[in-house]
C-alpha atoms as a PDB file:
ATOM      1  CA  MET A   1      11.689 135.216 138.856  1.00  0.00           C
ATOM      2  CA  VAL A   2       8.181 135.303 137.388  1.00  0.00           C
ATOM      3  CA  VAL A   3       6.130 138.004 139.068  1.00  0.00           C
ATOM      4  CA  ARG A   4       2.660 136.681 139.774  1.00  0.00           C
ATOM      5  CA  VAL A   5       1.094 139.902 141.103  1.00  0.00           C
ATOM      6  CA  SER A   6       1.935 143.569 140.712  1.00  0.00           C
ATOM      7  CA  VAL A   7       0.506 145.554 143.620  1.00  0.00           C
ATOM      8  CA  ILE A   8      -0.137 149.168 142.599  1.00  0.00           C
ATOM      9  CA  VAL A   9      -0.080 151.672 145.478  1.00  0.00           C
ATOM     10  CA  ALA A  10      -0.858 155.292 144.553  1.00  0.00           C
ATOM     11  CA  VAL A  11      -0.140 157.674 147.432  1.00  0.00           C
ATOM     12  CA  PHE A  12      -0.516 161.377 148.106  1.00  0.00           C
ATOM     13  CA  ASN A  13       0.465 163.075 151.375  1.00  0.00           C
ATOM     14  CA  SER A  14       0.435 159.695 153.086  1.00  0.00           C
ATOM     15  CA  ALA A  15       3.713 159.750 155.021  1.00  0.00           C
ATOM     16  CA  GLN A  16       2.011 158.949 158.329  1.00  0.00           C
ATOM     17  CA  PHE A  17       0.321 155.718 157.289  1.00  0.00           C
ATOM     18  CA  VAL A  18       1.784 154.445 153.989  1.00  0.00           C
ATOM     19  CA  ARG A  19       4.270 152.200 155.809  1.00  0.00           C
ATOM     20  CA  GLU A  20       1.418 150.179 157.250  1.00  0.00           C
ATOM     21  CA  ALA A  21      -0.250 149.806 153.866  1.00  0.00           C
ATOM     22  CA  ILE A  22       2.884 148.621 152.081  1.00  0.00           C
ATOM     23  CA  LYS A  23       3.785 146.354 155.002  1.00  0.00           C
ATOM     24  CA  SER A  24       0.490 144.526 154.507  1.00  0.00           C
ATOM     25  CA  ALA A  25       1.523 143.831 150.894  1.00  0.00           C
ATOM     26  CA  GLN A  26       5.032 142.782 151.899  1.00  0.00           C
ATOM     27  CA  GLU A  27       3.625 140.266 154.390  1.00  0.00           C
ATOM     28  CA  GLN A  28       1.485 138.409 151.870  1.00  0.00           C
ATOM     29  CA  THR A  29       1.792 134.627 152.049  1.00  0.00           C
ATOM     30  CA  ILE A  30       2.916 134.543 148.429  1.00  0.00           C
ATOM     31  CA  ARG A  31       6.356 136.056 147.874  1.00  0.00           C
ATOM     32  CA  ASP A  32       6.621 136.370 144.079  1.00  0.00           C
ATOM     33  CA  ILE A  33       5.075 139.819 143.887  1.00  0.00           C
ATOM     34  CA  GLU A  34       6.219 143.340 143.143  1.00  0.00           C
ATOM     35  CA  ILE A  35       4.952 146.451 144.888  1.00  0.00           C
ATOM     36  CA  ILE A  36       4.883 149.572 142.714  1.00  0.00           C
ATOM     37  CA  ALA A  37       4.428 152.680 144.864  1.00  0.00           C
ATOM     38  CA  ILE A  38       3.683 155.899 142.993  1.00  0.00           C
ATOM     39  CA  ASP A  39       4.021 159.200 144.817  1.00  0.00           C
ATOM     40  CA  ASP A  40       1.500 161.571 143.261  1.00  0.00           C
ATOM     41  CA  ALA A  41       3.506 164.774 143.833  1.00  0.00           C
ATOM     42  CA  SER A  42       3.018 164.765 147.601  1.00  0.00           C
ATOM     43  CA  MET A  43       3.791 167.861 149.627  1.00  0.00           C
ATOM     44  CA  ASP A  44       4.941 165.964 152.717  1.00  0.00           C
ATOM     45  CA  ASP A  45       7.632 163.304 153.251  1.00  0.00           C
ATOM     46  CA  THR A  46       5.765 160.500 151.455  1.00  0.00           C
ATOM     47  CA  LEU A  47       8.436 160.081 148.782  1.00  0.00           C
ATOM     48  CA  VAL A  48      11.194 159.938 151.401  1.00  0.00           C
ATOM     49  CA  VAL A  49       9.305 157.235 153.302  1.00  0.00           C
ATOM     50  CA  LEU A  50       8.747 155.198 150.133  1.00  0.00           C
ATOM     51  CA  ARG A  51      12.440 155.279 149.242  1.00  0.00           C
ATOM     52  CA  GLN A  52      13.356 154.164 152.762  1.00  0.00           C
ATOM     53  CA  ILE A  53      11.001 151.195 152.412  1.00  0.00           C
ATOM     54  CA  ALA A  54      12.450 150.298 148.999  1.00  0.00           C
ATOM     55  CA  GLN A  55      15.981 150.201 150.395  1.00  0.00           C
ATOM     56  CA  ASP A  56      15.018 147.256 152.609  1.00  0.00           C
ATOM     57  CA  ASP A  57      12.930 145.297 150.098  1.00  0.00           C
ATOM     58  CA  PRO A  58      13.938 144.914 146.417  1.00  0.00           C
ATOM     59  CA  ARG A  59      10.344 144.002 145.544  1.00  0.00           C
ATOM     60  CA  VAL A  60       9.306 147.616 146.199  1.00  0.00           C
ATOM     61  CA  VAL A  61       9.607 149.917 143.168  1.00  0.00           C
ATOM     62  CA  VAL A  62       9.163 153.645 143.759  1.00  0.00           C
ATOM     63  CA  MET A  63       7.951 156.075 141.115  1.00  0.00           C
ATOM     64  CA  ALA A  64       7.561 159.842 141.491  1.00  0.00           C
ATOM     65  CA  SER A  65       4.953 161.669 139.441  1.00  0.00           C
ATOM     66  CA  PRO A  66       6.080 165.177 138.420  1.00  0.00           C
ATOM     67  CA  ILE A  67       2.508 166.502 138.707  1.00  0.00           C
ATOM     68  CA  ASN A  68      -0.490 165.605 140.803  1.00  0.00           C
ATOM     69  CA  GLU A  69      -2.900 163.623 138.620  1.00  0.00           C
ATOM     70  CA  GLY A  70      -5.099 161.993 141.237  1.00  0.00           C
ATOM     71  CA  PRO A  71      -5.248 158.272 142.064  1.00  0.00           C
ATOM     72  CA  GLY A  72      -6.295 157.227 138.558  1.00  0.00           C
ATOM     73  CA  GLY A  73      -3.374 158.864 136.791  1.00  0.00           C
ATOM     74  CA  ALA A  74      -0.882 157.568 139.359  1.00  0.00           C
ATOM     75  CA  ARG A  75      -2.204 154.014 139.051  1.00  0.00           C
ATOM     76  CA  ASN A  76      -1.981 154.197 135.269  1.00  0.00           C
ATOM     77  CA  ARG A  77       1.719 155.047 135.597  1.00  0.00           C
ATOM     78  CA  GLY A  78       2.237 152.007 137.790  1.00  0.00           C
ATOM     79  CA  MET A  79       0.282 149.628 135.564  1.00  0.00           C
ATOM     80  CA  ALA A  80       2.285 150.740 132.531  1.00  0.00           C
ATOM     81  CA  VAL A  81       5.480 149.268 134.012  1.00  0.00           C
ATOM     82  CA  ALA A  82       3.937 146.348 135.914  1.00  0.00           C
ATOM     83  CA  LYS A  83       5.485 142.930 135.208  1.00  0.00           C
ATOM     84  CA  GLY A  84       2.995 140.751 137.065  1.00  0.00           C
ATOM     85  CA  GLU A  85       0.551 138.258 135.604  1.00  0.00           C
ATOM     86  CA  TRP A  86      -2.122 139.890 137.741  1.00  0.00           C
ATOM     87  CA  ILE A  87      -2.725 143.498 138.805  1.00  0.00           C
ATOM     88  CA  ALA A  88      -3.914 144.382 142.308  1.00  0.00           C
ATOM     89  CA  VAL A  89      -4.593 147.862 143.666  1.00  0.00           C
ATOM     90  CA  LEU A  90      -4.026 149.010 147.241  1.00  0.00           C
ATOM     91  CA  ASP A  91      -4.848 152.482 148.553  1.00  0.00           C
ATOM     92  CA  GLY A  92      -2.156 154.123 150.661  1.00  0.00           C
ATOM     93  CA  ASP A  93      -4.382 154.196 153.744  1.00  0.00           C
ATOM     94  CA  ASP A  94      -5.843 150.682 153.414  1.00  0.00           C
ATOM     95  CA  LYS A  95      -4.463 147.194 154.057  1.00  0.00           C
ATOM     96  CA  PHE A  96      -4.474 143.619 152.756  1.00  0.00           C
ATOM     97  CA  LEU A  97      -5.066 140.678 155.041  1.00  0.00           C
ATOM     98  CA  PRO A  98      -2.007 138.359 154.871  1.00  0.00           C
ATOM     99  CA  ASN A  99      -3.688 135.659 152.759  1.00  0.00           C
ATOM    100  CA  ARG A 100      -5.549 137.992 150.408  1.00  0.00           C
ATOM    101  CA  LEU A 101      -3.520 137.604 147.231  1.00  0.00           C
ATOM    102  CA  ALA A 102      -3.020 133.852 147.662  1.00  0.00           C
ATOM    103  CA  THR A 103      -6.757 133.302 148.171  1.00  0.00           C
ATOM    104  CA  LEU A 104      -7.789 135.465 145.232  1.00  0.00           C
ATOM    105  CA  LEU A 105      -5.192 133.960 142.897  1.00  0.00           C
ATOM    106  CA  ASP A 106      -6.214 130.421 143.742  1.00  0.00           C
ATOM    107  CA  HIS A 107      -9.872 131.168 143.065  1.00  0.00           C
ATOM    108  CA  ALA A 108      -9.285 133.253 139.927  1.00  0.00           C
ATOM    109  CA  GLU A 109      -6.954 130.736 138.276  1.00  0.00           C
ATOM    110  CA  THR A 110      -9.114 127.752 139.206  1.00  0.00           C
ATOM    111  CA  LYS A 111     -12.207 129.402 137.685  1.00  0.00           C
ATOM    112  CA  ASN A 112     -10.269 130.950 134.762  1.00  0.00           C
ATOM    113  CA  LEU A 113     -11.461 134.465 135.607  1.00  0.00           C
ATOM    114  CA  ASP A 114     -10.364 137.812 134.239  1.00  0.00           C
ATOM    115  CA  VAL A 115     -11.597 139.839 137.221  1.00  0.00           C
ATOM    116  CA  LEU A 116     -12.125 138.827 140.844  1.00  0.00           C
ATOM    117  CA  ALA A 117     -13.176 141.059 143.754  1.00  0.00           C
ATOM    118  CA  ASP A 118     -13.498 140.288 147.446  1.00  0.00           C
ATOM    119  CA  ASN A 119     -15.508 141.670 150.326  1.00  0.00           C
ATOM    120  CA  HIS A 120     -14.129 144.523 152.429  1.00  0.00           C
ATOM    121  CA  LEU A 121     -13.692 145.050 156.141  1.00  0.00           C
ATOM    122  CA  ILE A 122     -14.707 148.591 157.094  1.00  0.00           C
ATOM    123  CA  TYR A 123     -12.140 150.175 159.381  1.00  0.00           C
ATOM    124  CA  ASP A 124     -12.757 153.140 161.691  1.00  0.00           C
ATOM    125  CA  SER A 125      -9.366 154.819 162.151  1.00  0.00           C
ATOM    126  CA  HIS A 126     -10.445 156.811 165.227  1.00  0.00           C
ATOM    127  CA  LEU A 127     -11.454 153.663 167.104  1.00  0.00           C
ATOM    128  CA  ASN A 128      -8.681 151.579 165.522  1.00  0.00           C
ATOM    129  CA  ALA A 129     -11.277 148.900 164.934  1.00  0.00           C
ATOM    130  CA  VAL A 130     -13.005 147.013 162.139  1.00  0.00           C
ATOM    131  CA  CYS A 131     -16.692 147.905 162.381  1.00  0.00           C
ATOM    132  CA  ASP A 132     -18.320 145.624 159.850  1.00  0.00           C
ATOM    133  CA  LYS A 133     -18.010 144.149 156.377  1.00  0.00           C
ATOM    134  CA  GLY A 134     -19.085 145.767 153.165  1.00  0.00           C
ATOM    135  CA  PHE A 135     -21.846 143.438 151.977  1.00  0.00           C
ATOM    136  CA  ASP A 136     -23.507 140.043 152.379  1.00  0.00           C
ATOM    137  CA  LEU A 137     -23.908 137.365 149.743  1.00  0.00           C
ATOM    138  CA  LYS A 138     -26.260 134.401 149.825  1.00  0.00           C
ATOM    139  CA  SER A 139     -23.437 132.120 148.724  1.00  0.00           C
ATOM    140  CA  ASP A 140     -19.646 132.091 148.853  1.00  0.00           C
ATOM    141  CA  THR A 141     -19.294 133.452 145.320  1.00  0.00           C
ATOM    142  CA  ALA A 142     -21.381 135.259 142.727  1.00  0.00           C
ATOM    143  CA  ALA A 143     -20.996 136.253 139.119  1.00  0.00           C
ATOM    144  CA  LEU A 144     -20.097 139.942 139.052  1.00  0.00           C
ATOM    145  CA  THR A 145     -22.202 141.327 136.211  1.00  0.00           C
ATOM    146  CA  PRO A 146     -22.461 144.994 135.216  1.00  0.00           C
ATOM    147  CA  SER A 147     -26.096 145.060 136.369  1.00  0.00           C
ATOM    148  CA  LEU A 148     -25.367 143.630 139.806  1.00  0.00           C
ATOM    149  CA  PHE A 149     -22.444 146.020 140.127  1.00  0.00           C
ATOM    150  CA  VAL A 150     -24.439 149.152 139.314  1.00  0.00           C
ATOM    151  CA  LEU A 151     -27.459 148.135 141.402  1.00  0.00           C
ATOM    152  CA  ASN A 152     -25.301 147.891 144.493  1.00  0.00           C
ATOM    153  CA  ASP A 153     -23.443 151.175 144.288  1.00  0.00           C
ATOM    154  CA  ALA A 154     -24.075 154.887 144.879  1.00  0.00           C
ATOM    155  CA  PRO A 155     -26.000 156.529 147.733  1.00  0.00           C
ATOM    156  CA  PRO A 156     -27.628 155.886 150.133  1.00  0.00           C
ATOM    157  CA  ARG A 157     -25.442 152.823 150.704  1.00  0.00           C
ATOM    158  CA  PHE A 158     -22.682 153.226 153.266  1.00  0.00           C
ATOM    159  CA  PHE A 159     -20.543 150.861 151.208  1.00  0.00           C
ATOM    160  CA  GLY A 160     -20.989 150.499 147.453  1.00  0.00           C
ATOM    161  CA  LEU A 161     -19.441 148.006 145.062  1.00  0.00           C
ATOM    162  CA  GLY A 162     -17.777 150.939 143.323  1.00  0.00           C
ATOM    163  CA  LEU A 163     -15.234 150.850 146.164  1.00  0.00           C
ATOM    164  CA  LEU A 164     -14.058 147.330 145.306  1.00  0.00           C
ATOM    165  CA  LYS A 165     -10.374 146.713 144.567  1.00  0.00           C
ATOM    166  CA  PRO A 166     -10.330 143.636 142.294  1.00  0.00           C
ATOM    167  CA  ILE A 167      -7.408 141.676 140.971  1.00  0.00           C
ATOM    168  CA  VAL A 168      -7.304 141.772 137.169  1.00  0.00           C
ATOM    169  CA  ARG A 169      -5.512 139.510 134.722  1.00  0.00           C
ATOM    170  CA  ALA A 170      -2.810 141.691 133.167  1.00  0.00           C
ATOM    171  CA  SER A 171      -3.143 140.188 129.688  1.00  0.00           C
ATOM    172  CA  PHE A 172      -6.889 140.944 129.687  1.00  0.00           C
ATOM    173  CA  LEU A 173      -6.249 144.494 130.871  1.00  0.00           C
ATOM    174  CA  ARG A 174      -3.731 145.201 128.122  1.00  0.00           C
ATOM    175  CA  ARG A 175      -5.733 143.457 125.411  1.00  0.00           C
ATOM    176  CA  HIS A 176      -8.637 145.830 125.995  1.00  0.00           C
ATOM    177  CA  ASP A 177      -6.457 148.826 126.933  1.00  0.00           C
ATOM    178  CA  VAL A 178      -8.564 149.703 129.969  1.00  0.00           C
ATOM    179  CA  ARG A 179      -7.156 152.476 132.132  1.00  0.00           C
ATOM    180  CA  TYR A 180      -8.277 154.520 135.092  1.00  0.00           C
ATOM    181  CA  PRO A 181     -10.044 157.762 134.160  1.00  0.00           C
ATOM    182  CA  LEU A 182      -8.381 160.927 135.412  1.00  0.00           C
ATOM    183  CA  LEU A 183     -10.978 161.469 138.126  1.00  0.00           C
ATOM    184  CA  ARG A 184     -10.485 162.315 141.771  1.00  0.00           C
ATOM    185  CA  PHE A 185     -13.735 160.671 142.802  1.00  0.00           C
ATOM    186  CA  GLY A 186     -15.476 157.571 141.455  1.00  0.00           C
ATOM    187  CA  GLU A 187     -12.424 156.361 139.521  1.00  0.00           C
ATOM    188  CA  ASP A 188     -12.702 152.872 141.054  1.00  0.00           C
ATOM    189  CA  PHE A 189     -16.303 152.523 139.876  1.00  0.00           C
ATOM    190  CA  ALA A 190     -15.480 153.754 136.361  1.00  0.00           C
ATOM    191  CA  PHE A 191     -12.490 151.422 136.030  1.00  0.00           C
ATOM    192  CA  LEU A 192     -14.272 148.282 137.237  1.00  0.00           C
ATOM    193  CA  PHE A 193     -17.382 149.095 135.223  1.00  0.00           C
ATOM    194  CA  SER A 194     -15.261 149.337 132.062  1.00  0.00           C
ATOM    195  CA  LEU A 195     -13.734 145.951 132.857  1.00  0.00           C
ATOM    196  CA  LEU A 196     -17.101 144.273 133.455  1.00  0.00           C
ATOM    197  CA  LEU A 197     -18.470 145.531 130.142  1.00  0.00           C
ATOM    198  CA  ARG A 198     -15.688 143.622 128.392  1.00  0.00           C
ATOM    199  CA  THR A 199     -15.811 140.237 130.103  1.00  0.00           C
ATOM    200  CA  GLU A 200     -18.233 137.695 131.518  1.00  0.00           C
ATOM    201  CA  LYS A 201     -15.431 136.026 133.477  1.00  0.00           C
ATOM    202  CA  ALA A 202     -15.820 138.159 136.602  1.00  0.00           C
ATOM    203  CA  ALA A 203     -16.785 137.109 140.109  1.00  0.00           C
ATOM    204  CA  LEU A 204     -17.297 138.364 143.631  1.00  0.00           C
ATOM    205  CA  ILE A 205     -16.477 136.408 146.789  1.00  0.00           C
ATOM    206  CA  ARG A 206     -18.082 136.815 150.197  1.00  0.00           C
ATOM    207  CA  GLU A 207     -14.875 136.506 152.228  1.00  0.00           C
ATOM    208  CA  PRO A 208     -13.510 139.934 153.333  1.00  0.00           C
ATOM    209  CA  LEU A 209      -9.772 140.216 152.656  1.00  0.00           C
ATOM    210  CA  TYR A 210      -9.310 143.958 152.078  1.00  0.00           C
ATOM    211  CA  VAL A 211      -9.349 146.472 154.967  1.00  0.00           C
ATOM    212  CA  TYR A 212     -10.974 149.712 153.805  1.00  0.00           C
ATOM    213  CA  THR A 213     -10.511 152.895 155.842  1.00  0.00           C
ATOM    214  CA  SER A 214     -13.819 154.733 155.600  1.00  0.00           C
ATOM    215  CA  PRO A 215     -13.603 158.527 155.125  1.00  0.00           C
ATOM    216  CA  VAL A 216     -15.979 158.939 158.062  1.00  0.00           C
ATOM    217  CA  GLY A 217     -15.863 156.345 160.815  1.00  0.00           C
ATOM    218  CA  ALA A 218     -18.929 154.103 160.800  1.00  0.00           C
ATOM    219  CA  LEU A 219     -19.063 154.130 164.613  1.00  0.00           C
ATOM    220  CA  SER A 220     -17.099 157.207 165.675  1.00  0.00           C
ATOM    221  CA  GLY A 221     -18.681 159.491 163.065  1.00  0.00           C
ATOM    222  CA  LYS A 222     -15.362 161.320 162.759  1.00  0.00           C
ATOM    223  CA  SER A 223     -13.399 162.064 159.605  1.00  0.00           C
ATOM    224  CA  SER A 224     -10.412 159.801 159.081  1.00  0.00           C
ATOM    225  CA  GLY A 225      -8.309 162.789 157.981  1.00  0.00           C
ATOM    226  CA  ARG A 226      -6.743 160.573 155.344  1.00  0.00           C
ATOM    227  CA  SER A 227      -6.430 160.975 151.589  1.00  0.00           C
ATOM    228  CA  LYS A 228     -10.066 160.554 150.581  1.00  0.00           C
ATOM    229  CA  THR A 229     -11.653 163.019 148.159  1.00  0.00           C
ATOM    230  CA  ASP A 230     -14.425 165.246 149.506  1.00  0.00           C
ATOM    231  CA  GLU A 231     -17.685 163.469 148.681  1.00  0.00           C
ATOM    232  CA  VAL A 232     -19.772 166.506 147.785  1.00  0.00           C
ATOM    233  CA  SER A 233     -17.316 168.017 145.309  1.00  0.00           C
ATOM    234  CA  GLY A 234     -16.573 164.522 144.061  1.00  0.00           C
ATOM    235  CA  TRP A 235     -20.160 163.761 143.111  1.00  0.00           C
ATOM    236  CA  ARG A 236     -20.382 167.065 141.273  1.00  0.00           C
ATOM    237  CA  CYS A 237     -17.408 166.167 139.096  1.00  0.00           C
ATOM    238  CA  TYR A 238     -18.517 162.564 138.755  1.00  0.00           C
ATOM    239  CA  SER A 239     -21.984 163.473 137.465  1.00  0.00           C
ATOM    240  CA  HIS A 240     -20.428 164.930 134.305  1.00  0.00           C
ATOM    241  CA  ILE A 241     -19.185 161.538 133.103  1.00  0.00           C
ATOM    242  CA  ALA A 242     -22.352 159.542 133.874  1.00  0.00           C
ATOM    243  CA  GLN A 243     -23.436 159.850 130.247  1.00  0.00           C
ATOM    244  CA  GLN A 244     -20.252 158.090 129.140  1.00  0.00           C
ATOM    245  CA  PHE A 245     -21.344 154.995 131.070  1.00  0.00           C
ATOM    246  CA  HIS A 246     -24.563 154.901 129.039  1.00  0.00           C
ATOM    247  CA  GLU A 247     -22.731 155.226 125.739  1.00  0.00           C
ATOM    248  CA  ASP A 248     -20.262 152.464 126.596  1.00  0.00           C
ATOM    249  CA  ALA A 249     -23.049 150.161 127.760  1.00  0.00           C
ATOM    250  CA  LYS A 250     -25.092 150.758 124.627  1.00  0.00           C
ATOM    251  CA  GLN A 251     -22.083 149.949 122.481  1.00  0.00           C
ATOM    252  CA  LEU A 252     -20.871 146.847 124.330  1.00  0.00           C
ATOM    253  CA  ARG A 253     -24.033 145.514 126.025  1.00  0.00           C
ATOM    254  CA  ALA A 254     -26.877 146.781 123.855  1.00  0.00           C
ATOM    255  CA  ASP A 255     -29.020 143.712 124.596  1.00  0.00           C
ATOM    256  CA  ASP A 256     -28.801 144.130 128.378  1.00  0.00           C
ATOM    257  CA  LYS A 257     -31.962 146.112 129.032  1.00  0.00           C
ATOM    258  CA  LEU A 258     -31.647 145.770 132.797  1.00  0.00           C
ATOM    259  CA  LEU A 259     -28.216 147.361 132.760  1.00  0.00           C
ATOM    260  CA  LEU A 260     -29.365 150.334 130.680  1.00  0.00           C
ATOM    261  CA  ARG A 261     -32.296 150.840 133.014  1.00  0.00           C
ATOM    262  CA  VAL A 262     -30.313 150.776 136.238  1.00  0.00           C
ATOM    263  CA  LEU A 263     -27.708 153.101 134.726  1.00  0.00           C
ATOM    264  CA  ASP A 264     -30.478 155.576 134.041  1.00  0.00           C
ATOM    265  CA  ILE A 265     -31.716 155.312 137.638  1.00  0.00           C
ATOM    266  CA  ARG A 266     -28.179 155.713 138.954  1.00  0.00           C
ATOM    267  CA  LYS A 267     -27.655 158.806 136.827  1.00  0.00           C
ATOM    268  CA  ARG A 268     -30.834 160.407 138.164  1.00  0.00           C
ATOM    269  CA  ARG A 269     -29.922 159.584 141.764  1.00  0.00           C
ATOM    270  CA  ILE A 270     -26.545 161.289 141.348  1.00  0.00           C
ATOM    271  CA  GLU A 271     -28.172 164.320 139.714  1.00  0.00           C
ATOM    272  CA  TRP A 272     -30.536 164.635 142.670  1.00  0.00           C
ATOM    273  CA  LEU A 273     -27.617 164.308 145.069  1.00  0.00           C
ATOM    274  CA  VAL A 274     -25.750 167.119 143.317  1.00  0.00           C
ATOM    275  CA  ARG A 275     -28.845 169.359 143.320  1.00  0.00           C
ATOM    276  CA  TRP A 276     -29.499 168.644 146.977  1.00  0.00           C
ATOM    277  CA  ASN A 277     -25.978 169.595 148.002  1.00  0.00           C
ATOM    278  CA  ARG A 278     -26.034 172.702 145.831  1.00  0.00           C
ATOM    279  CA  ALA A 279     -29.295 173.813 147.448  1.00  0.00           C
ATOM    280  CA  ARG A 280     -27.858 173.095 150.891  1.00  0.00           C
ATOM    281  CA  ASP A 281     -24.859 175.325 150.163  1.00  0.00           C
ATOM    282  CA  GLU A 282     -27.053 178.118 148.839  1.00  0.00           C
ATOM    283  CA  CYS A 283     -29.446 178.024 151.806  1.00  0.00           C
ATOM    284  CA  ALA A 284     -26.892 177.498 154.578  1.00  0.00           C
ATOM    285  CA  HIS A 285     -26.980 181.208 155.508  1.00  0.00           C
ATOM    286  CA  MET A 286     -30.743 181.112 156.125  1.00  0.00           C
ATOM    287  CA  GLY A 287     -30.474 179.847 159.687  1.00  0.00           C
ATOM    288  CA  PRO A 288     -30.839 176.752 161.874  1.00  0.00           C
ATOM    289  CA  ILE A 289     -34.162 175.603 160.394  1.00  0.00           C
ATOM    290  CA  CYS A 290     -32.661 175.133 156.945  1.00  0.00           C
ATOM    291  CA  ARG A 291     -29.619 173.418 158.406  1.00  0.00           C
ATOM    292  CA  TRP A 292     -31.924 171.052 160.294  1.00  0.00           C
ATOM    293  CA  LEU A 293     -33.886 170.264 157.127  1.00  0.00           C
ATOM    294  CA  PHE A 294     -30.748 169.463 155.187  1.00  0.00           C
ATOM    295  CA  ALA A 295     -29.557 167.239 158.026  1.00  0.00           C
ATOM    296  CA  LEU A 296     -32.423 164.947 156.974  1.00  0.00           C
ATOM    297  CA  ARG A 297     -30.645 164.208 153.679  1.00  0.00           C
ATOM    298  CA  PRO A 298     -29.882 160.552 154.574  1.00  0.00           C
ATOM    299  CA  CYS A 299     -33.576 159.941 155.256  1.00  0.00           C
ATOM    300  CA  PHE A 300     -34.473 161.483 151.918  1.00  0.00           C
ATOM    301  CA  PHE A 301     -32.101 159.222 150.007  1.00  0.00           C
ATOM    302  CA  ALA A 302     -33.126 156.157 151.993  1.00  0.00           C
ATOM    303  CA  TYR A 303     -36.757 156.853 151.079  1.00  0.00           C
ATOM    304  CA  THR A 304     -35.850 157.341 147.410  1.00  0.00           C
ATOM    305  CA  PHE A 305     -33.798 154.167 147.428  1.00  0.00           C
ATOM    306  CA  LEU A 306     -36.669 152.135 148.929  1.00  0.00           C
ATOM    307  CA  LYS A 307     -39.014 153.429 146.227  1.00  0.00           C
ATOM    308  CA  ILE A 308     -36.562 152.300 143.558  1.00  0.00           C
ATOM    309  CA  MET A 309     -36.212 148.886 145.186  1.00  0.00           C
ATOM    310  CA  ARG A 310     -39.988 148.444 145.265  1.00  0.00           C
ATOM    311  CA  ARG A 311     -40.153 149.189 141.561  1.00  0.00           C
ATOM    312  CA  PHE A 312     -37.652 146.454 140.855  1.00  0.00           C
ATOM    313  CA  ASP A 313     -39.391 144.096 143.273  1.00  0.00           C
ATOM    314  CA  ASN A 314     -42.668 144.554 141.436  1.00  0.00           C
ATOM    315  CA  LYS A 315     -40.931 143.649 138.197  1.00  0.00           C
ATOM    316  CA  HIS A 316     -39.251 140.601 139.779  1.00  0.00           C
ATOM    317  CA  ILE A 317     -35.877 141.938 138.738  1.00  0.00           C
ATOM    318  CA  LEU A 318     -33.783 142.666 141.806  1.00  0.00           C
ATOM    319  CA  LEU A 319     -35.390 140.331 144.323  1.00  0.00           C
ATOM    320  CA  ASN A 320     -35.908 137.395 141.979  1.00  0.00           C
ATOM    321  CA  PRO A 321     -34.716 134.194 143.781  1.00  0.00           C
ATOM    322  CA  LYS A 322     -32.430 133.484 140.849  1.00  0.00           C
ATOM    323  CA  ARG A 323     -30.631 136.768 141.459  1.00  0.00           C
ATOM    324  CA  LEU A 324     -28.410 137.796 144.351  1.00  0.00           C
ATOM    325  CA  LEU A 325     -29.190 140.810 146.449  1.00  0.00           C
ATOM    326  CA  LEU A 326     -26.366 142.497 148.281  1.00  0.00           C
ATOM    327  CA  LYS A 327     -27.106 144.003 151.662  1.00  0.00           C
ATOM    328  CA  ALA A 328     -25.971 147.551 152.392  1.00  0.00           C
ATOM    329  CA  ILE A 329     -24.443 148.123 155.810  1.00  0.00           C
END
């Protein structure tokens, strides 16, 4: 049987909810898929659960990583043995809608794309409810360019395009030897950004087909308690590789001045975020007034973001009618 899609599921300490994630892949309307589940050296019964699932479905392949490498390293292990014509990624605490793969495949093959990403439904695990979708588009589809991608990611957005889980043509992926970086935060952004630098056959569709469990519930305000990396420590690590994005863009898209500019703005925003959190940690012992001031962080970033948007508006770059603006939730 020809495998059309290899679904890569990297899991760590996910015994309580990984069954639901893999079940959503098993119940896809297309059957010619394989599900590669990689246990990233979990300390709970995740590996036991995965092997139980595999006993009942031959399409499920279980791999056990001897060391914990983070989601990027685990996914790389799965992609190395994948047999599918397309690669799809599913987090161990997220879900696919039943028609997701069929819809994406039909669109990607009709348009001869290398990369296709869909909208997300934002799920609050405490309320057991979908709260909203990730973004709005003015049309059903849009070209997913590096500039559009970078402009619509990073704080203060509740949902950024760096969280997207695209399907990728396997032959394209191997031809360019693109892999996930060994990061524990921001690896999805880095991976998709590397892909977009190497192809113009990438698109984004408005229809939400992926259910994303937010680390903090959009309505409940409570932590999901699932396997999401701490945001503060994550941004600190992530800021160290921001320069690599610039170097790759200069090498592969030297003529894209907009991209280089927005990368520079993104880098500065992340640097300010890291400084802000460092100052918050250092001043936390100074009493309730300081804690109250640092509670205003979202307002600070919203203000900074609006200033950046006005700069682009004045230059007719972001809000040009010929360009698409994504709406942050």
